[in-house]
């Protein structure tokens, strides 16, 4: 940067202070350091979402009469429109996968411990908002699969006693999925959720910078036992270059998936047509969908679906409050790890069952 311009900029913005902070920032190096990259990967995919989503907004029209046609126009007429849409769709799915991987990596490394309770809570809320992004964006192409999947997804909220009907009407903008639902979810997807996520993401990154990278208790104990300091590398340039390389790999993967497996548009939704067989939500909601299928109609005289939804809600609340529920002892940490493993295996098993059922239903 030219000297006079840099001096002018430094006088108005704290660039020198930020650079000095980054130069002194270090990242612990140990056998679990690979897990540190999932957070940065999620951030990169979010940036890709913002850029590609902004480009799609130039042509998209959020109404039931024009949404499908506008997406078809983007895919067929706009130069590289098909590529931008495919990158947007694939990066959304990869972002969910990276966010889930980041959550479990933090869980297994016990990075939720004091003083990082707020870092954990903000991260869990960001994951839930990422899932909300997926849900609100799913209907926007207004195709057959997304229309009926949104109807099934919003129906689940109706099982909540007292407020279930209100939640369904709030999400749909009426009693059924209509054009009002599309415009409402569009508003959430491009305005309300981005504003909340941007604010929460800034807080999350500030907390990560404030408290630094967490070191697993086993690594800390080993360092104390060996009377050695934990090895660390500078954030700039070493860790930043590693992160940049991971982002380049992710970009290459996105380009490959979008080029060779472009995201399909499907058939335009017809609200008056019967629901096609085998309607399923996106893969990251499959495990909840399959869990509800296996719950009995009634359990001890109580609606089984209601119990399942209540159980999932209690589990989500437990995850959010984990730093205050988990103890500091070695036994408590083992309980957290095994609980996380069981939850991960359960989610994977339910997802595989849902995929298997979908494949069997598609087989003539």
Protein backbone atom coordinates (compact mmCIF):
# COMPACT_ATOMS: atom_id res chain seq x y z
CA UNK A 1 0.00 0.00 0.00
CA UNK A 2 1.44 3.44 -0.92
CA UNK A 3 2.85 5.29 2.09
CA UNK A 4 0.71 8.49 1.92
CA UNK A 5 -2.52 6.54 1.40
CA UNK A 6 -1.69 4.13 4.23
CA UNK A 7 -0.94 7.02 6.58
CA UNK A 8 -4.26 8.64 5.60
CA UNK A 9 -6.12 5.39 6.20
CA UNK A 10 -4.34 4.62 9.51
CA UNK A 11 -5.38 8.01 10.83
CA UNK A 12 -9.04 7.18 10.30
CA UNK A 13 -9.20 3.41 10.87
CA UNK A 14 -7.38 1.27 13.49
CA UNK A 15 -5.72 -0.85 10.80
CA UNK A 16 -2.31 -0.79 12.47
CA UNK A 17 -3.80 -2.00 15.76
CA UNK A 18 -5.64 -4.84 14.03
CA UNK A 19 -2.52 -5.93 12.15
CA UNK A 20 -0.44 -5.80 15.33
CA UNK A 21 -3.03 -7.95 17.12
CA UNK A 22 -3.03 -10.50 14.30
CA UNK A 23 0.77 -10.62 14.22
CA UNK A 24 0.87 -11.49 17.91
CA UNK A 25 -1.99 -14.00 17.71
CA UNK A 26 -0.92 -17.66 17.90
CA UNK A 27 -2.70 -20.97 17.34
CA UNK A 28 -1.91 -24.07 19.44
CA UNK A 29 -0.38 -26.97 17.54
CA UNK A 30 -1.13 -30.53 18.63
CA UNK A 31 -2.53 -33.74 17.20
CA UNK A 32 -6.09 -32.36 17.19
CA UNK A 33 -5.26 -29.10 15.42
CA UNK A 34 -6.97 -30.26 12.23
CA UNK A 35 -10.34 -29.66 13.89
CA UNK A 36 -9.59 -25.93 14.10
CA UNK A 37 -10.18 -25.51 10.37
CA UNK A 38 -13.90 -26.39 10.34
CA UNK A 39 -14.89 -22.99 11.73
CA UNK A 40 -12.97 -21.11 9.06
CA UNK A 41 -14.39 -23.38 6.37
CA UNK A 42 -17.92 -22.63 7.56
CA UNK A 43 -17.16 -18.90 7.46
CA UNK A 44 -15.81 -19.18 3.90
CA UNK A 45 -18.91 -21.03 2.69
CA UNK A 46 -21.10 -18.37 4.32
CA UNK A 47 -19.22 -15.70 2.36
CA UNK A 48 -19.84 -17.72 -0.84
CA UNK A 49 -23.53 -17.83 0.09
CA UNK A 50 -23.68 -14.07 0.49
CA UNK A 51 -21.95 -13.39 -2.84
CA UNK A 52 -23.90 -15.92 -4.92
CA UNK A 53 -27.17 -15.05 -3.17
CA UNK A 54 -26.65 -11.38 -4.02
CA UNK A 55 -26.11 -12.26 -7.67
CA UNK A 56 -29.25 -14.40 -7.76
CA UNK A 57 -31.26 -11.55 -6.23
CA UNK A 58 -30.60 -9.48 -9.35
CA UNK A 59 -33.00 -11.70 -11.32
CA UNK A 60 -35.13 -13.59 -8.78
CA UNK A 61 -38.78 -12.59 -8.31
CA UNK A 62 -40.41 -13.73 -5.03
CA UNK A 63 -43.96 -14.51 -6.13
CA UNK A 64 -45.73 -17.79 -6.80
CA UNK A 65 -46.47 -16.74 -10.38
CA UNK A 66 -42.91 -15.70 -11.25
CA UNK A 67 -40.47 -17.45 -8.87
CA UNK A 68 -40.08 -20.66 -10.89
CA UNK A 69 -39.86 -18.78 -14.19
CA UNK A 70 -37.25 -16.36 -12.81
CA UNK A 71 -35.07 -19.25 -11.63
CA UNK A 72 -35.51 -20.94 -15.02
CA UNK A 73 -34.45 -17.67 -16.67
CA UNK A 74 -31.35 -17.53 -14.45
CA UNK A 75 -30.43 -21.11 -15.32
CA UNK A 76 -31.07 -20.95 -19.07
CA UNK A 77 -30.63 -17.33 -20.18
CA UNK A 78 -28.34 -15.47 -17.78
CA UNK A 79 -24.63 -15.99 -18.59
CA UNK A 80 -23.22 -18.45 -16.03
CA UNK A 81 -26.50 -18.23 -14.13
CA UNK A 82 -26.69 -22.02 -13.88
CA UNK A 83 -23.22 -22.04 -12.33
CA UNK A 84 -24.02 -19.34 -9.76
CA UNK A 85 -27.23 -21.13 -8.73
CA UNK A 86 -25.45 -24.48 -8.43
CA UNK A 87 -22.63 -22.95 -6.40
CA UNK A 88 -25.20 -21.33 -4.12
CA UNK A 89 -27.06 -24.61 -3.61
CA UNK A 90 -23.96 -26.77 -3.12
CA UNK A 91 -22.27 -24.28 -0.81
CA UNK A 92 -25.44 -24.16 1.32
CA UNK A 93 -25.30 -27.92 1.81
CA UNK A 94 -21.57 -27.93 2.47
CA UNK A 95 -21.96 -25.06 4.94
CA UNK A 96 -24.46 -27.09 6.97
CA UNK A 97 -22.10 -30.08 6.92
CA UNK A 98 -19.13 -27.94 8.03
CA UNK A 99 -21.18 -26.23 10.76
CA UNK A 100 -22.27 -29.62 12.16
CA UNK A 101 -18.69 -30.90 11.99
CA UNK A 102 -17.49 -27.74 13.75
CA UNK A 103 -20.06 -28.21 16.52
CA UNK A 104 -19.04 -31.81 17.19
CA UNK A 105 -15.34 -30.97 17.00
CA UNK A 106 -15.82 -28.29 19.67
CA UNK A 107 -17.83 -30.77 21.71
CA UNK A 108 -15.24 -33.55 21.53
CA UNK A 109 -12.36 -31.15 22.25
CA UNK A 110 -14.28 -29.72 25.25
CA UNK A 111 -13.85 -26.18 23.93
CA UNK A 112 -17.11 -25.14 25.62
CA UNK A 113 -15.41 -24.89 29.02
CA UNK A 114 -14.90 -21.72 31.00
CA UNK A 115 -14.43 -18.96 29.87
CA UNK A 116 -15.85 -19.95 26.47
CA UNK A 117 -19.48 -20.51 27.46
CA UNK A 118 -20.75 -17.58 25.37
CA UNK A 119 -18.62 -18.70 22.42
CA UNK A 120 -20.36 -22.09 22.54
CA UNK A 121 -23.84 -20.58 22.90
CA UNK A 122 -23.32 -18.17 20.00
CA UNK A 123 -21.97 -21.05 17.88
CA UNK A 124 -24.99 -23.26 18.60
CA UNK A 125 -27.33 -20.39 17.75
CA UNK A 126 -25.43 -19.85 14.49
CA UNK A 127 -25.90 -23.54 13.62
CA UNK A 128 -29.65 -23.29 14.27
CA UNK A 129 -29.81 -20.16 12.12
CA UNK A 130 -27.90 -21.99 9.38
CA UNK A 131 -30.61 -24.68 9.42
CA UNK A 132 -33.21 -21.90 9.32
CA UNK A 133 -31.46 -20.53 6.21
CA UNK A 134 -31.81 -23.96 4.60
CA UNK A 135 -35.48 -24.23 5.51
CA UNK A 136 -36.45 -20.74 4.35
CA UNK A 137 -34.47 -21.00 1.12
CA UNK A 138 -35.81 -24.41 0.15
CA UNK A 139 -39.18 -23.12 -1.09
CA UNK A 140 -37.81 -20.21 -3.12
CA UNK A 141 -37.47 -22.07 -6.48
CA UNK A 142 -41.20 -22.92 -6.11
CA UNK A 143 -40.81 -26.42 -7.51
CA UNK A 144 -42.84 -29.50 -6.70
CA UNK A 145 -40.47 -31.10 -4.21
CA UNK A 146 -39.79 -27.93 -2.23
CA UNK A 147 -43.48 -27.01 -2.09
CA UNK A 148 -44.67 -30.27 -0.56
CA UNK A 149 -41.59 -30.65 1.63
CA UNK A 150 -42.29 -27.20 3.09
CA UNK A 151 -45.89 -28.23 3.73
CA UNK A 152 -44.70 -31.36 5.59
CA UNK A 153 -42.06 -29.41 7.51
CA UNK A 154 -44.46 -26.73 8.71
CA UNK A 155 -47.05 -29.36 9.67
CA UNK A 156 -44.68 -30.63 12.37
CA UNK A 157 -45.05 -27.34 14.26
CA UNK A 158 -48.79 -27.96 14.53
CA UNK A 159 -48.15 -30.70 17.14
CA UNK A 160 -46.97 -28.12 19.70
CA UNK A 161 -49.89 -27.63 22.12
CA UNK A 162 -51.33 -24.17 22.49
CA UNK A 163 -49.10 -22.29 20.08
CA UNK A 164 -48.71 -24.87 17.29
CA UNK A 165 -51.46 -23.44 15.09
CA UNK A 166 -50.10 -19.91 15.56
CA UNK A 167 -46.58 -21.02 14.55
CA UNK A 168 -47.89 -22.73 11.42
CA UNK A 169 -49.86 -19.65 10.39
CA UNK A 170 -46.86 -17.44 11.16
CA UNK A 171 -44.57 -19.53 8.95
CA UNK A 172 -47.06 -19.96 6.13
CA UNK A 173 -48.77 -16.57 6.23
CA UNK A 174 -52.08 -18.45 6.30
CA UNK A 175 -53.53 -21.91 6.77
CA UNK A 176 -51.74 -23.48 3.80
CA UNK A 177 -48.54 -23.08 1.80
CA UNK A 178 -49.28 -20.37 -0.78
CA UNK A 179 -47.61 -17.45 -2.47
CA UNK A 180 -47.80 -15.63 0.87
CA UNK A 181 -45.58 -18.37 2.33
CA UNK A 182 -43.06 -17.84 -0.45
CA UNK A 183 -42.80 -14.08 0.06
CA UNK A 184 -42.66 -14.51 3.84
CA UNK A 185 -39.86 -17.07 3.74
CA UNK A 186 -38.07 -14.95 1.15
CA UNK A 187 -38.12 -12.01 3.56
CA UNK A 188 -36.69 -14.19 6.32
CA UNK A 189 -34.07 -15.65 3.98
CA UNK A 190 -32.65 -12.43 2.52
CA UNK A 191 -33.28 -9.84 5.24
CA UNK A 192 -34.12 -10.96 8.76
CA UNK A 193 -31.87 -14.02 9.06
CA UNK A 194 -28.81 -12.34 7.44
CA UNK A 195 -29.11 -9.40 9.85
CA UNK A 196 -29.27 -11.69 12.88
CA UNK A 197 -26.50 -13.97 11.62
CA UNK A 198 -24.17 -11.07 10.80
CA UNK A 199 -24.55 -9.64 14.30
CA UNK A 200 -24.15 -13.01 16.00
CA UNK A 201 -21.22 -13.95 13.77
CA UNK A 202 -19.42 -10.73 14.69
CA UNK A 203 -19.93 -11.55 18.37
CA UNK A 204 -18.74 -15.14 17.84
CA UNK A 205 -15.57 -14.05 16.04
CA UNK A 206 -14.88 -11.43 18.71
CA UNK A 207 -15.19 -14.07 21.44
CA UNK A 208 -12.89 -16.44 19.55
CA UNK A 209 -10.34 -13.64 19.23
CA UNK A 210 -10.81 -12.64 22.87
CA UNK A 211 -10.28 -16.10 24.36
CA UNK A 212 -8.16 -17.70 21.63
CA UNK A 213 -8.22 -21.31 20.46
CA UNK A 214 -9.09 -23.83 23.15
CA UNK A 215 -6.62 -26.57 24.01
CA UNK A 216 -8.08 -30.03 24.86
CA UNK A 217 -7.73 -31.04 28.53
CA UNK A 218 -5.66 -34.11 27.59
CA UNK A 219 -3.12 -31.92 25.77
CA UNK A 220 -2.97 -29.52 28.70
CA UNK A 221 -2.45 -32.36 31.16
CA UNK A 222 0.27 -33.90 29.00
CA UNK A 223 2.10 -30.57 28.77
CA UNK A 224 1.96 -30.14 32.55
CA UNK A 225 3.16 -33.72 33.08
CA UNK A 226 6.11 -33.24 30.70
CA UNK A 227 6.86 -29.72 32.00
CA UNK A 228 6.67 -28.38 28.46
CA UNK A 229 4.83 -25.46 26.93
CA UNK A 230 2.19 -26.21 24.31
CA UNK A 231 3.63 -25.54 20.87
CA UNK A 232 1.97 -22.74 18.90
CA UNK A 233 2.32 -21.22 15.45
CA UNK A 234 1.69 -17.58 14.43
CA UNK A 235 -1.75 -16.88 13.04
CA UNK A 236 -0.09 -14.75 10.32
CA UNK A 237 1.21 -16.11 8.06
CA UNK A 238 1.23 -19.80 9.02
CA UNK A 239 -2.33 -20.59 10.14
CA UNK A 240 -3.81 -18.02 7.74
CA UNK A 241 -2.06 -19.72 4.80
CA UNK A 242 -3.33 -23.13 5.95
CA UNK A 243 -6.84 -21.70 6.15
CA UNK A 244 -6.47 -20.13 2.71
CA UNK A 245 -5.37 -23.47 1.25
CA UNK A 246 -8.43 -25.16 2.79
CA UNK A 247 -10.65 -22.46 1.28
CA UNK A 248 -9.05 -23.05 -2.12
CA UNK A 249 -9.79 -26.76 -1.86
CA UNK A 250 -13.40 -25.97 -0.89
CA UNK A 251 -13.72 -23.61 -3.87
CA UNK A 252 -12.37 -26.28 -6.22
CA UNK A 253 -14.85 -28.79 -4.78
CA UNK A 254 -17.71 -26.34 -5.27
CA UNK A 255 -16.65 -25.69 -8.86
CA UNK A 256 -16.43 -29.41 -9.59
CA UNK A 257 -19.80 -30.27 -8.03
CA UNK A 258 -21.54 -27.31 -9.69
CA UNK A 259 -20.06 -28.11 -13.12
CA UNK A 260 -20.52 -31.86 -13.23
CA UNK A 261 -23.59 -32.22 -10.98
CA UNK A 262 -25.57 -28.99 -11.54
CA UNK A 263 -28.49 -28.41 -9.18
CA UNK A 264 -31.76 -29.49 -10.79
CA UNK A 265 -34.70 -27.09 -11.02
CA UNK A 266 -37.43 -29.75 -11.11
CA UNK A 267 -41.10 -29.30 -11.98
CA UNK A 268 -43.06 -26.18 -11.12
CA UNK A 269 -45.20 -26.53 -8.00
CA UNK A 270 -48.94 -27.05 -8.43
CA UNK A 271 -50.74 -26.40 -5.11
CA UNK A 272 -53.81 -28.29 -6.35
CA UNK A 273 -51.93 -31.43 -7.39
CA UNK A 274 -51.59 -34.42 -5.02
CA UNK A 275 -48.29 -34.75 -3.21
CA UNK A 276 -45.89 -37.03 -5.12
CA UNK A 277 -44.74 -40.20 -3.41
CA UNK A 278 -41.51 -40.20 -1.44
CA UNK A 279 -41.37 -36.51 -0.52
CA UNK A 280 -38.43 -35.96 1.80
CA UNK A 281 -36.86 -32.86 3.37
CA UNK A 282 -33.23 -31.91 2.79
CA UNK A 283 -30.61 -34.36 4.04
CA UNK A 284 -29.87 -32.38 7.22
CA UNK A 285 -33.50 -32.73 8.33
CA UNK A 286 -33.82 -36.38 7.31
CA UNK A 287 -32.92 -37.77 10.74
CA UNK A 288 -35.70 -35.80 12.45
CA UNK A 289 -38.15 -36.78 9.70
CA UNK A 290 -37.27 -40.48 10.10
CA UNK A 291 -37.39 -40.27 13.90
CA UNK A 292 -40.95 -38.94 13.80
CA UNK A 293 -41.92 -41.79 11.47
CA UNK A 294 -40.80 -44.42 14.01
CA UNK A 295 -42.55 -42.87 17.00
CA UNK A 296 -45.78 -44.68 18.04
CA UNK A 297 -49.04 -42.82 17.57
CA UNK A 298 -49.57 -42.64 21.33
CA UNK A 299 -47.28 -43.23 24.29
CA UNK A 300 -49.03 -43.66 27.65
CA UNK A 301 -52.03 -41.85 26.24
CA UNK A 302 -49.97 -38.90 24.97
CA UNK A 303 -49.52 -38.02 21.30
CA UNK A 304 -46.29 -39.71 20.21
CA UNK A 305 -45.32 -37.02 17.71
CA UNK A 306 -45.75 -34.38 20.40
CA UNK A 307 -43.44 -36.32 22.71
CA UNK A 308 -40.85 -36.65 19.95
CA UNK A 309 -40.95 -32.92 19.16
CA UNK A 310 -40.70 -32.12 22.87
CA UNK A 311 -37.75 -34.49 23.19
CA UNK A 312 -35.94 -32.89 20.26
CA UNK A 313 -36.60 -29.45 21.72
CA UNK A 314 -35.26 -30.53 25.11
CA UNK A 315 -32.17 -31.99 23.44
CA UNK A 316 -31.54 -28.72 21.57
CA UNK A 317 -31.90 -26.78 24.83
CA UNK A 318 -29.50 -29.18 26.53
CA UNK A 319 -26.93 -28.64 23.77
CA UNK A 320 -27.31 -24.88 24.09
CA UNK A 321 -26.78 -24.97 27.86
CA UNK A 322 -24.07 -27.65 27.80
CA UNK A 323 -21.32 -25.44 29.34
CA UNK A 324 -23.49 -25.00 32.45
CA UNK A 325 -24.62 -28.65 32.62
CA UNK A 326 -21.28 -30.39 32.04
CA UNK A 327 -18.87 -30.77 34.92
CA UNK A 328 -15.12 -30.12 34.98
CA UNK A 329 -14.11 -33.63 36.05
CA UNK A 330 -12.62 -36.23 33.73
CA UNK A 331 -15.66 -38.46 34.24
CA UNK A 332 -18.04 -35.65 33.26
CA UNK A 333 -16.08 -34.98 30.09
CA UNK A 334 -16.24 -38.68 29.19
CA UNK A 335 -20.02 -38.60 29.62
CA UNK A 336 -20.21 -35.60 27.26
CA UNK A 337 -18.06 -37.38 24.65
CA UNK A 338 -20.06 -40.60 24.76
CA UNK A 339 -23.35 -38.70 24.67
CA UNK A 340 -22.12 -36.82 21.61
CA UNK A 341 -21.03 -40.06 19.93
CA UNK A 342 -24.39 -41.71 20.59
CA UNK A 343 -26.21 -38.65 19.24
CA UNK A 344 -24.02 -38.59 16.13
CA UNK A 345 -24.53 -42.31 15.48
CA UNK A 346 -28.28 -41.96 16.01
CA UNK A 347 -28.49 -39.08 13.53
CA UNK A 348 -26.42 -41.01 10.99
CA UNK A 349 -28.53 -44.17 11.42
CA UNK A 350 -31.82 -42.32 11.02
CA UNK A 351 -30.48 -40.51 7.95
CA UNK A 352 -29.37 -43.80 6.37
CA UNK A 353 -32.78 -45.36 7.06
CA UNK A 354 -34.50 -42.39 5.42
CA UNK A 355 -32.20 -42.59 2.38
CA UNK A 356 -32.76 -46.34 2.09
CA UNK A 357 -36.53 -45.89 2.27
CA UNK A 358 -36.33 -43.18 -0.37
CA UNK A 359 -34.27 -45.39 -2.70
CA UNK A 360 -36.66 -48.32 -2.24
CA UNK A 361 -39.60 -46.05 -3.00
CA UNK A 362 -37.91 -44.84 -6.16
CA UNK A 363 -37.23 -48.39 -7.37
CA UNK A 364 -40.03 -49.64 -9.67
